């Protein structure tokens, strides 16, 4: 893929942003992976040469690689300058876009990549942006033979590929899955950078646009296989995990449903129903989260309320979100477990009138979700694009991770890099 005109395999755009610096470190690790058989020429991109230089120097210090800065290209470009985005896209095989909120800054990057023949991966957890980009650009990307793959971080690779993994491990037909995310923290607790908070504020504040987009798409419903998956109450108890749970408000459900539609329409694979929850522990956590949720949903409806939420993230999120983000100690001590409970039918049982007779439980476990697991997932998705070309969808297009990577070795790559997929139990009912 690398030629004189396109000198870089990967370009990290927004490398000096909060998440971008962690993605930069992860690409630097990948560059010297002992299993690599060929060089990995790459670059960082953003508005300020000084800031990009500082990020590379910090990464060099952290990884003990004093020569790192001299091994990495620097591209100056600005989201507000389309010509500079085009210049960046011309030099890259794959752009890793770390500049959010994507609803404001994502589209110009996708447009520049498609027009200039570069593939693009982002880590958006914003369903409206993700679905709109597929609607607007899928055919254009397919014509150019480039791959635009959104939600390739913690939102939503573990959930999307976790459902595919569960289906592949079931000895029959998987019909429905519920997933429960558990976030583990160390003695210093959790903290999330407020960039994620901003994306949530703008997303919830504009839900009507997502409804309009879905109505305009006018998609035929995919068939329902097996009994309809019942929604749990907003607060419910999960016996298996001995924890209360609430619905997961991220992009996982939107992404998994789009993947299941793609696999059904293109490969006639039986679609899986899906629901996502967060395990929150005991009743004290439930009460705390209920108050935070009610505050959030009330304020997010008004312009002035949204401004307050964005100005004081720490106060309104009860300390979970901050402008500083997590400390290194918090990152080192945190991890996640995503548990999937699936049901379905054995190979000799029809799905029409019978009760499901198979159950399966699988897990995806990994390090801290936002700034350790997300860069790993994003970089391994990029390496899959570069190396597993024959297993990708034949033409390019705008895809979910599951649609793009279901036939590739991405799950194996993630297992080797600390995001581990496993079967916990499988039984006939």
Protein backbone atom coordinates (compact mmCIF):
# COMPACT_ATOMS: atom_id res chain seq x y z
CA UNK A 1 0.00 0.00 0.00
CA UNK A 2 2.92 2.36 0.63
CA UNK A 3 4.19 4.17 -2.44
CA UNK A 4 6.17 7.35 -3.05
CA UNK A 5 2.85 9.24 -3.36
CA UNK A 6 1.34 7.55 -0.26
CA UNK A 7 4.29 7.21 2.11
CA UNK A 8 2.48 6.21 5.35
CA UNK A 9 0.62 3.03 6.32
CA UNK A 10 -1.11 4.84 9.20
CA UNK A 11 -1.70 8.49 10.06
CA UNK A 12 -3.03 9.36 13.55
CA UNK A 13 -5.15 12.50 13.08
CA UNK A 14 -5.68 14.47 16.30
CA UNK A 15 -2.59 12.85 17.86
CA UNK A 16 -2.17 15.67 20.39
CA UNK A 17 -5.73 15.34 21.73
CA UNK A 18 -6.46 13.46 24.95
CA UNK A 19 -7.27 10.11 23.31
CA UNK A 20 -5.00 10.75 20.32
CA UNK A 21 -1.87 10.67 22.50
CA UNK A 22 -2.77 7.14 23.72
CA UNK A 23 -3.44 5.99 20.14
CA UNK A 24 -0.03 7.43 19.16
CA UNK A 25 1.66 5.36 21.90
CA UNK A 26 -0.18 2.23 20.74
CA UNK A 27 0.93 2.67 17.10
CA UNK A 28 4.51 3.14 18.39
CA UNK A 29 4.20 -0.20 20.25
CA UNK A 30 2.80 -1.90 17.14
CA UNK A 31 5.71 -0.56 15.09
CA UNK A 32 8.20 -2.64 17.14
CA UNK A 33 5.97 -5.70 17.73
CA UNK A 34 8.35 -8.72 17.60
CA UNK A 35 5.88 -10.53 15.30
CA UNK A 36 6.06 -7.79 12.66
CA UNK A 37 7.82 -8.96 9.52
CA UNK A 38 7.79 -5.62 7.66
CA UNK A 39 8.29 -1.93 8.56
CA UNK A 40 5.31 0.22 9.58
CA UNK A 41 5.84 3.77 8.26
CA UNK A 42 3.43 6.14 10.06
CA UNK A 43 2.78 9.77 10.90
CA UNK A 44 0.94 11.98 13.36
CA UNK A 45 -1.28 14.83 12.15
CA UNK A 46 -2.82 17.92 13.73
CA UNK A 47 -2.79 21.71 13.85
CA UNK A 48 0.36 22.36 15.91
CA UNK A 49 3.80 20.98 15.09
CA UNK A 50 5.00 21.81 18.64
CA UNK A 51 2.15 19.85 20.27
CA UNK A 52 2.67 16.86 17.95
CA UNK A 53 6.40 16.94 18.69
CA UNK A 54 5.66 16.98 22.45
CA UNK A 55 3.34 13.96 22.13
CA UNK A 56 6.06 12.01 20.31
CA UNK A 57 8.64 13.03 22.93
CA UNK A 58 6.33 11.90 25.76
CA UNK A 59 5.70 8.57 23.98
CA UNK A 60 9.46 8.14 23.42
CA UNK A 61 10.10 8.67 27.14
CA UNK A 62 7.30 6.35 28.26
CA UNK A 63 8.29 3.54 25.87
CA UNK A 64 12.06 3.96 26.34
CA UNK A 65 12.59 4.72 22.63
CA UNK A 66 14.74 7.89 22.39
CA UNK A 67 14.79 7.84 18.57
CA UNK A 68 10.99 7.64 18.19
CA UNK A 69 10.49 11.32 17.18
CA UNK A 70 12.85 10.93 14.23
CA UNK A 71 11.05 7.75 13.02
CA UNK A 72 7.56 9.31 12.71
CA UNK A 73 6.27 11.73 10.07
CA UNK A 74 4.48 14.95 11.08
CA UNK A 75 1.62 16.34 8.95
CA UNK A 76 0.15 19.76 9.72
CA UNK A 77 -3.56 19.89 8.99
CA UNK A 78 -6.68 21.49 10.37
CA UNK A 79 -10.29 20.29 10.38
CA UNK A 80 -11.33 23.78 9.19
CA UNK A 81 -9.04 23.57 6.14
CA UNK A 82 -10.33 20.98 3.59
CA UNK A 83 -7.19 21.30 1.42
CA UNK A 84 -4.98 20.29 4.37
CA UNK A 85 -7.24 17.27 5.07
CA UNK A 86 -6.90 16.21 1.44
CA UNK A 87 -3.11 16.50 1.66
CA UNK A 88 -3.15 14.27 4.74
CA UNK A 89 -5.45 11.68 3.10
CA UNK A 90 -3.22 11.52 -0.01
CA UNK A 91 -0.28 10.47 2.16
CA UNK A 92 -2.06 7.70 4.14
CA UNK A 93 -3.24 4.16 3.48
CA UNK A 94 -5.38 4.36 6.66
CA UNK A 95 -6.28 7.47 8.70
CA UNK A 96 -6.99 6.90 12.41
CA UNK A 97 -9.34 9.77 13.23
CA UNK A 98 -9.25 10.79 16.92
CA UNK A 99 -10.91 14.23 16.56
CA UNK A 100 -14.34 14.42 18.20
CA UNK A 101 -17.14 15.09 18.93
CA UNK A 102 -17.55 13.44 15.53
CA UNK A 103 -20.96 15.02 14.89
CA UNK A 104 -19.07 18.33 14.47
CA UNK A 105 -15.67 17.24 13.15
CA UNK A 106 -15.99 13.75 11.66
CA UNK A 107 -17.56 14.27 8.24
CA UNK A 108 -14.83 16.47 6.61
CA UNK A 109 -12.26 13.76 7.40
CA UNK A 110 -14.40 10.99 5.88
CA UNK A 111 -15.05 13.12 2.79
CA UNK A 112 -11.32 13.87 2.30
CA UNK A 113 -10.41 10.19 2.77
CA UNK A 114 -12.98 8.93 0.23
CA UNK A 115 -12.06 11.55 -2.37
CA UNK A 116 -8.34 10.79 -1.99
CA UNK A 117 -8.42 6.99 -1.74
CA UNK A 118 -7.54 6.52 1.96
CA UNK A 119 -9.42 4.23 4.33
CA UNK A 120 -10.53 5.73 7.66
CA UNK A 121 -11.19 4.35 11.14
CA UNK A 122 -12.74 6.30 14.02
CA UNK A 123 -13.73 5.61 17.64
CA UNK A 124 -17.09 7.39 17.62
CA UNK A 125 -19.78 6.23 20.04
CA UNK A 126 -22.36 8.57 18.44
CA UNK A 127 -25.15 6.60 16.67
CA UNK A 128 -26.48 9.62 14.75
CA UNK A 129 -23.07 10.38 13.22
CA UNK A 130 -22.33 6.72 12.47
CA UNK A 131 -25.69 6.02 10.81
CA UNK A 132 -25.67 9.31 8.87
CA UNK A 133 -22.19 8.60 7.45
CA UNK A 134 -23.29 5.16 6.26
CA UNK A 135 -26.39 6.65 4.66
CA UNK A 136 -24.48 9.46 2.91
CA UNK A 137 -21.18 7.84 1.94
CA UNK A 138 -21.49 4.04 1.64
CA UNK A 139 -21.87 4.03 -2.14
CA UNK A 140 -19.17 6.68 -2.71
CA UNK A 141 -16.70 4.72 -0.55
CA UNK A 142 -17.58 1.48 -2.40
CA UNK A 143 -16.91 3.18 -5.76
CA UNK A 144 -13.47 4.26 -4.54
CA UNK A 145 -12.74 0.88 -2.91
CA UNK A 146 -11.97 2.44 0.49
CA UNK A 147 -13.17 1.28 3.92
CA UNK A 148 -14.74 3.73 6.38
CA UNK A 149 -15.18 1.95 9.71
CA UNK A 150 -16.68 3.80 12.68
CA UNK A 151 -17.02 2.85 16.37
CA UNK A 152 -13.70 0.95 16.40
CA UNK A 153 -12.84 1.58 20.05
CA UNK A 154 -14.39 0.33 23.29
CA UNK A 155 -17.56 1.61 21.57
CA UNK A 156 -18.24 -0.85 19.92
CA UNK A 157 -15.67 -3.51 19.00
CA UNK A 158 -16.05 -5.66 22.17
CA UNK A 159 -19.87 -5.71 21.87
CA UNK A 160 -20.08 -6.11 18.08
CA UNK A 161 -17.39 -8.78 17.74
CA UNK A 162 -18.50 -10.33 21.06
CA UNK A 163 -21.92 -11.12 19.55
CA UNK A 164 -20.24 -12.61 16.45
CA UNK A 165 -17.87 -14.64 18.65
CA UNK A 166 -20.83 -15.92 20.72
CA UNK A 167 -22.68 -16.93 17.53
CA UNK A 168 -19.58 -18.73 16.18
CA UNK A 169 -19.14 -20.66 19.45
CA UNK A 170 -22.76 -21.81 19.72
CA UNK A 171 -23.42 -25.28 18.38
CA UNK A 172 -26.67 -24.25 16.71
CA UNK A 173 -28.52 -20.99 15.92
CA UNK A 174 -28.00 -18.02 18.23
CA UNK A 175 -31.22 -15.98 18.36
CA UNK A 176 -30.78 -13.44 21.19
CA UNK A 177 -28.03 -11.96 23.37
CA UNK A 178 -28.00 -9.70 26.42
CA UNK A 179 -24.66 -8.14 27.33
CA UNK A 180 -23.61 -6.66 30.69
CA UNK A 181 -20.61 -4.37 30.99
CA UNK A 182 -18.82 -4.27 34.35
CA UNK A 183 -16.17 -1.58 34.87
CA UNK A 184 -13.59 -2.39 37.57
CA UNK A 185 -11.58 0.38 39.22
CA UNK A 186 -8.69 0.52 41.67
CA UNK A 187 -8.46 2.33 45.02
CA UNK A 188 -8.33 5.75 43.31
CA UNK A 189 -11.63 5.21 41.49
CA UNK A 190 -12.60 6.05 37.93
CA UNK A 191 -12.30 9.15 35.81
CA UNK A 192 -13.26 9.76 32.18
CA UNK A 193 -12.13 12.72 30.07
CA UNK A 194 -14.94 15.18 29.38
CA UNK A 195 -14.66 14.75 25.57
CA UNK A 196 -16.83 11.63 25.97
CA UNK A 197 -19.25 13.59 28.17
CA UNK A 198 -19.59 16.32 25.50
CA UNK A 199 -20.43 13.73 22.82
CA UNK A 200 -23.16 12.32 25.11
CA UNK A 201 -24.59 15.77 25.88
CA UNK A 202 -24.86 16.70 22.18
CA UNK A 203 -26.17 13.24 21.23
CA UNK A 204 -28.96 13.14 23.82
CA UNK A 205 -29.79 16.78 23.11
CA UNK A 206 -30.50 15.95 19.47
CA UNK A 207 -32.21 12.56 19.57
CA UNK A 208 -35.02 13.76 17.30
CA UNK A 209 -32.52 13.97 14.39
CA UNK A 210 -31.64 10.29 14.82
CA UNK A 211 -35.34 9.33 14.72
CA UNK A 212 -35.83 11.39 11.53
CA UNK A 213 -32.77 9.78 9.92
CA UNK A 214 -34.04 6.27 10.71
CA UNK A 215 -37.48 7.08 9.35
CA UNK A 216 -35.96 8.53 6.15
CA UNK A 217 -33.75 5.43 5.68
CA UNK A 218 -36.96 3.40 5.34
CA UNK A 219 -35.20 0.06 5.99
CA UNK A 220 -37.16 -3.18 5.92
CA UNK A 221 -37.20 -4.87 9.34
CA UNK A 222 -34.96 -7.93 9.59
CA UNK A 223 -36.81 -11.15 10.48
CA UNK A 224 -37.30 -12.07 14.13
CA UNK A 225 -35.91 -15.53 14.87
CA UNK A 226 -37.15 -17.22 18.05
CA UNK A 227 -39.14 -15.46 20.79
CA UNK A 228 -38.85 -11.68 21.01
CA UNK A 229 -36.14 -10.55 23.45
CA UNK A 230 -37.95 -8.80 26.32
CA UNK A 231 -36.58 -5.47 27.50
CA UNK A 232 -35.59 -5.36 31.14
CA UNK A 233 -36.85 -2.66 33.49
CA UNK A 234 -34.68 0.51 33.65
CA UNK A 235 -33.32 -0.94 36.92
CA UNK A 236 -33.18 -4.73 37.08
CA UNK A 237 -31.23 -7.38 38.97
CA UNK A 238 -28.94 -9.80 37.15
CA UNK A 239 -28.82 -13.01 39.21
CA UNK A 240 -25.82 -14.47 37.38
CA UNK A 241 -23.67 -11.39 38.06
CA UNK A 242 -25.25 -10.65 41.49
CA UNK A 243 -25.56 -7.01 40.43
CA UNK A 244 -28.19 -4.41 39.60
CA UNK A 245 -28.11 -3.19 36.01
CA UNK A 246 -29.31 -0.26 33.93
CA UNK A 247 -29.55 0.05 30.10
CA UNK A 248 -26.24 0.87 28.39
CA UNK A 249 -26.68 4.24 26.65
CA UNK A 250 -23.72 4.04 24.24
CA UNK A 251 -23.64 3.06 20.57
CA UNK A 252 -23.44 -0.73 21.07
CA UNK A 253 -27.10 -1.53 20.32
CA UNK A 254 -27.15 0.66 17.18
CA UNK A 255 -23.86 -0.84 15.92
CA UNK A 256 -24.73 -4.50 16.64
CA UNK A 257 -28.13 -4.13 14.91
CA UNK A 258 -26.50 -2.63 11.81
CA UNK A 259 -23.99 -5.50 11.73
CA UNK A 260 -26.73 -8.12 12.10
CA UNK A 261 -28.66 -6.50 9.24
CA UNK A 262 -25.53 -6.53 7.03
CA UNK A 263 -24.76 -10.20 7.77
CA UNK A 264 -28.39 -11.18 7.11
CA UNK A 265 -28.69 -9.20 3.86
CA UNK A 266 -25.27 -10.17 2.45
CA UNK A 267 -24.66 -13.69 3.78
CA UNK A 268 -28.18 -14.81 4.80
CA UNK A 269 -26.91 -15.32 8.36
CA UNK A 270 -29.66 -15.64 10.95
CA UNK A 271 -30.02 -12.21 12.66
CA UNK A 272 -29.40 -12.02 16.42
CA UNK A 273 -31.55 -9.84 18.69
CA UNK A 274 -29.48 -7.77 21.12
CA UNK A 275 -29.81 -5.68 24.29
CA UNK A 276 -27.01 -4.00 26.28
CA UNK A 277 -26.82 -3.22 30.00
CA UNK A 278 -24.34 -1.88 32.55
CA UNK A 279 -23.82 -3.84 35.78
CA UNK A 280 -23.65 -1.15 38.47
CA UNK A 281 -23.26 -3.19 41.69
CA UNK A 282 -25.36 -2.59 44.79
CA UNK A 283 -28.31 -0.37 45.58
CA UNK A 284 -26.11 2.63 46.65
CA UNK A 285 -24.61 2.81 43.14
CA UNK A 286 -28.09 2.56 41.64
CA UNK A 287 -29.35 5.55 43.67
CA UNK A 288 -26.25 7.65 42.82
CA UNK A 289 -26.60 6.85 39.10
CA UNK A 290 -30.35 7.48 39.14
CA UNK A 291 -29.81 11.01 40.47
CA UNK A 292 -27.01 11.68 37.95
CA UNK A 293 -29.21 10.29 35.13
CA UNK A 294 -32.25 12.39 36.11
CA UNK A 295 -30.12 15.55 36.34
CA UNK A 296 -28.58 14.77 32.96
CA UNK A 297 -31.87 14.01 31.17
CA UNK A 298 -33.50 17.15 32.58
CA UNK A 299 -30.66 19.57 31.72
CA UNK A 300 -29.86 18.07 28.30
CA UNK A 301 -33.28 19.15 26.94
CA UNK A 302 -32.45 22.89 27.06
CA UNK A 303 -29.70 24.97 25.42
CA UNK A 304 -28.69 26.57 28.71
CA UNK A 305 -28.84 23.18 30.44
CA UNK A 306 -26.45 21.70 27.88
CA UNK A 307 -24.05 24.62 28.41
CA UNK A 308 -24.07 23.96 32.17
CA UNK A 309 -23.50 20.22 31.68
CA UNK A 310 -20.52 20.95 29.42
CA UNK A 311 -19.06 23.61 31.73
CA UNK A 312 -19.29 21.53 34.93
CA UNK A 313 -18.89 17.85 33.94
CA UNK A 314 -17.39 16.83 37.29
CA UNK A 315 -20.34 18.23 39.27
CA UNK A 316 -23.15 16.85 37.09
CA UNK A 317 -21.59 13.40 36.65
CA UNK A 318 -20.92 12.98 40.41
CA UNK A 319 -17.17 12.99 39.77
CA UNK A 320 -17.04 10.40 36.96
CA UNK A 321 -16.11 12.87 34.17
CA UNK A 322 -13.48 15.61 34.41
CA UNK A 323 -11.59 18.03 32.16
CA UNK A 324 -8.29 16.44 33.29
CA UNK A 325 -9.23 12.82 32.57
CA UNK A 326 -7.80 9.82 34.45
CA UNK A 327 -4.38 9.67 36.10
CA UNK A 328 -1.86 6.96 35.10
CA UNK A 329 -2.58 5.16 38.41
CA UNK A 330 -6.32 5.11 37.64
CA UNK A 331 -5.61 3.76 34.12
CA UNK A 332 -3.29 1.03 35.41
CA UNK A 333 -5.82 -0.19 38.00
CA UNK A 334 -8.94 -0.19 35.80
CA UNK A 335 -10.34 -2.94 33.55
CA UNK A 336 -13.61 -4.09 32.01
CA UNK A 337 -15.56 -7.33 31.66
CA UNK A 338 -18.32 -7.62 29.06
CA UNK A 339 -20.47 -10.72 29.70
CA UNK A 340 -22.82 -12.10 27.03
CA UNK A 341 -25.80 -14.34 27.83
CA UNK A 342 -27.06 -15.94 24.62
CA UNK A 343 -29.90 -18.31 23.80
CA UNK A 344 -30.84 -20.25 20.70
CA UNK A 345 -31.66 -23.58 19.12
CA UNK A 346 -29.79 -26.83 18.49
CA UNK A 347 -29.19 -27.80 14.87
CA UNK A 348 -32.14 -30.22 14.82
CA UNK A 349 -34.70 -27.87 16.44
CA UNK A 350 -36.90 -25.47 14.45
CA UNK A 351 -37.08 -21.85 15.68
CA UNK A 352 -40.77 -21.31 14.85
CA UNK A 353 -42.80 -22.62 17.79
CA UNK A 354 -40.26 -24.27 20.08
CA UNK A 355 -38.69 -22.68 23.14
CA UNK A 356 -34.94 -21.99 22.82
CA UNK A 357 -33.08 -25.09 24.06
CA UNK A 358 -29.46 -23.83 24.11
CA UNK A 359 -27.76 -21.29 26.38
CA UNK A 360 -24.26 -19.88 26.13
CA UNK A 361 -22.25 -17.42 28.22
CA UNK A 362 -19.17 -15.72 26.79
CA UNK A 363 -16.94 -12.87 27.93
CA UNK A 364 -14.69 -10.17 26.55
CA UNK A 365 -12.19 -8.91 29.14
CA UNK A 366 -9.71 -6.12 28.74
CA UNK A 367 -7.68 -3.32 30.35
CA UNK A 368 -9.07 0.17 31.11
CA UNK A 369 -11.78 0.81 28.52
CA UNK A 370 -11.39 4.40 27.28
CA UNK A 371 -7.67 5.02 26.88
CA UNK A 372 -6.01 1.57 26.94
CA UNK A 373 -8.50 -0.84 25.32
CA UNK A 374 -9.77 1.76 22.82
CA UNK A 375 -6.31 2.45 21.28
CA UNK A 376 -5.59 -1.32 21.15
CA UNK A 377 -8.91 -1.99 19.37
CA UNK A 378 -8.44 0.93 16.96
CA UNK A 379 -4.84 0.03 16.03
CA UNK A 380 -5.60 -3.69 15.62
CA UNK A 381 -8.59 -2.79 13.41
CA UNK A 382 -6.17 -0.73 11.28
CA UNK A 383 -3.64 -3.60 11.12
CA UNK A 384 -6.47 -5.92 10.03
CA UNK A 385 -7.35 -3.48 7.23
CA UNK A 386 -3.72 -3.45 6.10
CA UNK A 387 -3.05 -7.19 6.39
CA UNK A 388 -6.31 -9.14 5.93
CA UNK A 389 -7.46 -7.46 2.70
CA UNK A 390 -8.73 -10.72 1.13
CA UNK A 391 -11.09 -11.34 4.11
CA UNK A 392 -12.71 -7.88 4.06
CA UNK A 393 -16.00 -7.15 2.25
CA UNK A 394 -15.20 -7.31 -1.49
CA UNK A 395 -15.95 -3.67 -2.33
CA UNK A 396 -15.22 -0.80 0.03
CA UNK A 397 -17.95 1.10 1.84
CA UNK A 398 -19.00 2.46 5.23
CA UNK A 399 -19.15 -0.42 7.70
CA UNK A 400 -19.57 -1.34 11.34
CA UNK A 401 -16.61 -3.28 12.83
CA UNK A 402 -18.62 -6.54 12.74
CA UNK A 403 -19.60 -6.05 9.08
CA UNK A 404 -16.02 -5.26 8.05
CA UNK A 405 -14.15 -7.73 10.23
CA UNK A 406 -16.41 -10.76 10.83
CA UNK A 407 -14.37 -12.95 8.42
CA UNK A 408 -10.93 -11.59 9.43
CA UNK A 409 -8.45 -12.46 12.20
CA UNK A 410 -9.25 -9.36 14.29
CA UNK A 411 -10.46 -11.39 17.32
CA UNK A 412 -7.15 -13.34 17.29
CA UNK A 413 -5.20 -10.06 17.10
CA UNK A 414 -7.17 -8.62 20.05
CA UNK A 415 -6.61 -11.80 22.12
CA UNK A 416 -2.84 -11.37 21.63
CA UNK A 417 -3.01 -7.73 22.71
CA UNK A 418 -4.89 -8.16 25.99
CA UNK A 419 -8.56 -7.93 24.90
CA UNK A 420 -9.54 -11.55 25.50
CA UNK A 421 -12.60 -13.41 24.15
CA UNK A 422 -13.63 -16.64 25.95
CA UNK A 423 -16.52 -19.06 26.44
CA UNK A 424 -17.61 -19.27 30.11
CA UNK A 425 -20.33 -21.92 29.76
CA UNK A 426 -22.49 -23.59 27.16
CA UNK A 427 -25.41 -25.87 27.91
CA UNK A 428 -28.56 -27.47 26.60
CA UNK A 429 -31.64 -26.34 28.54
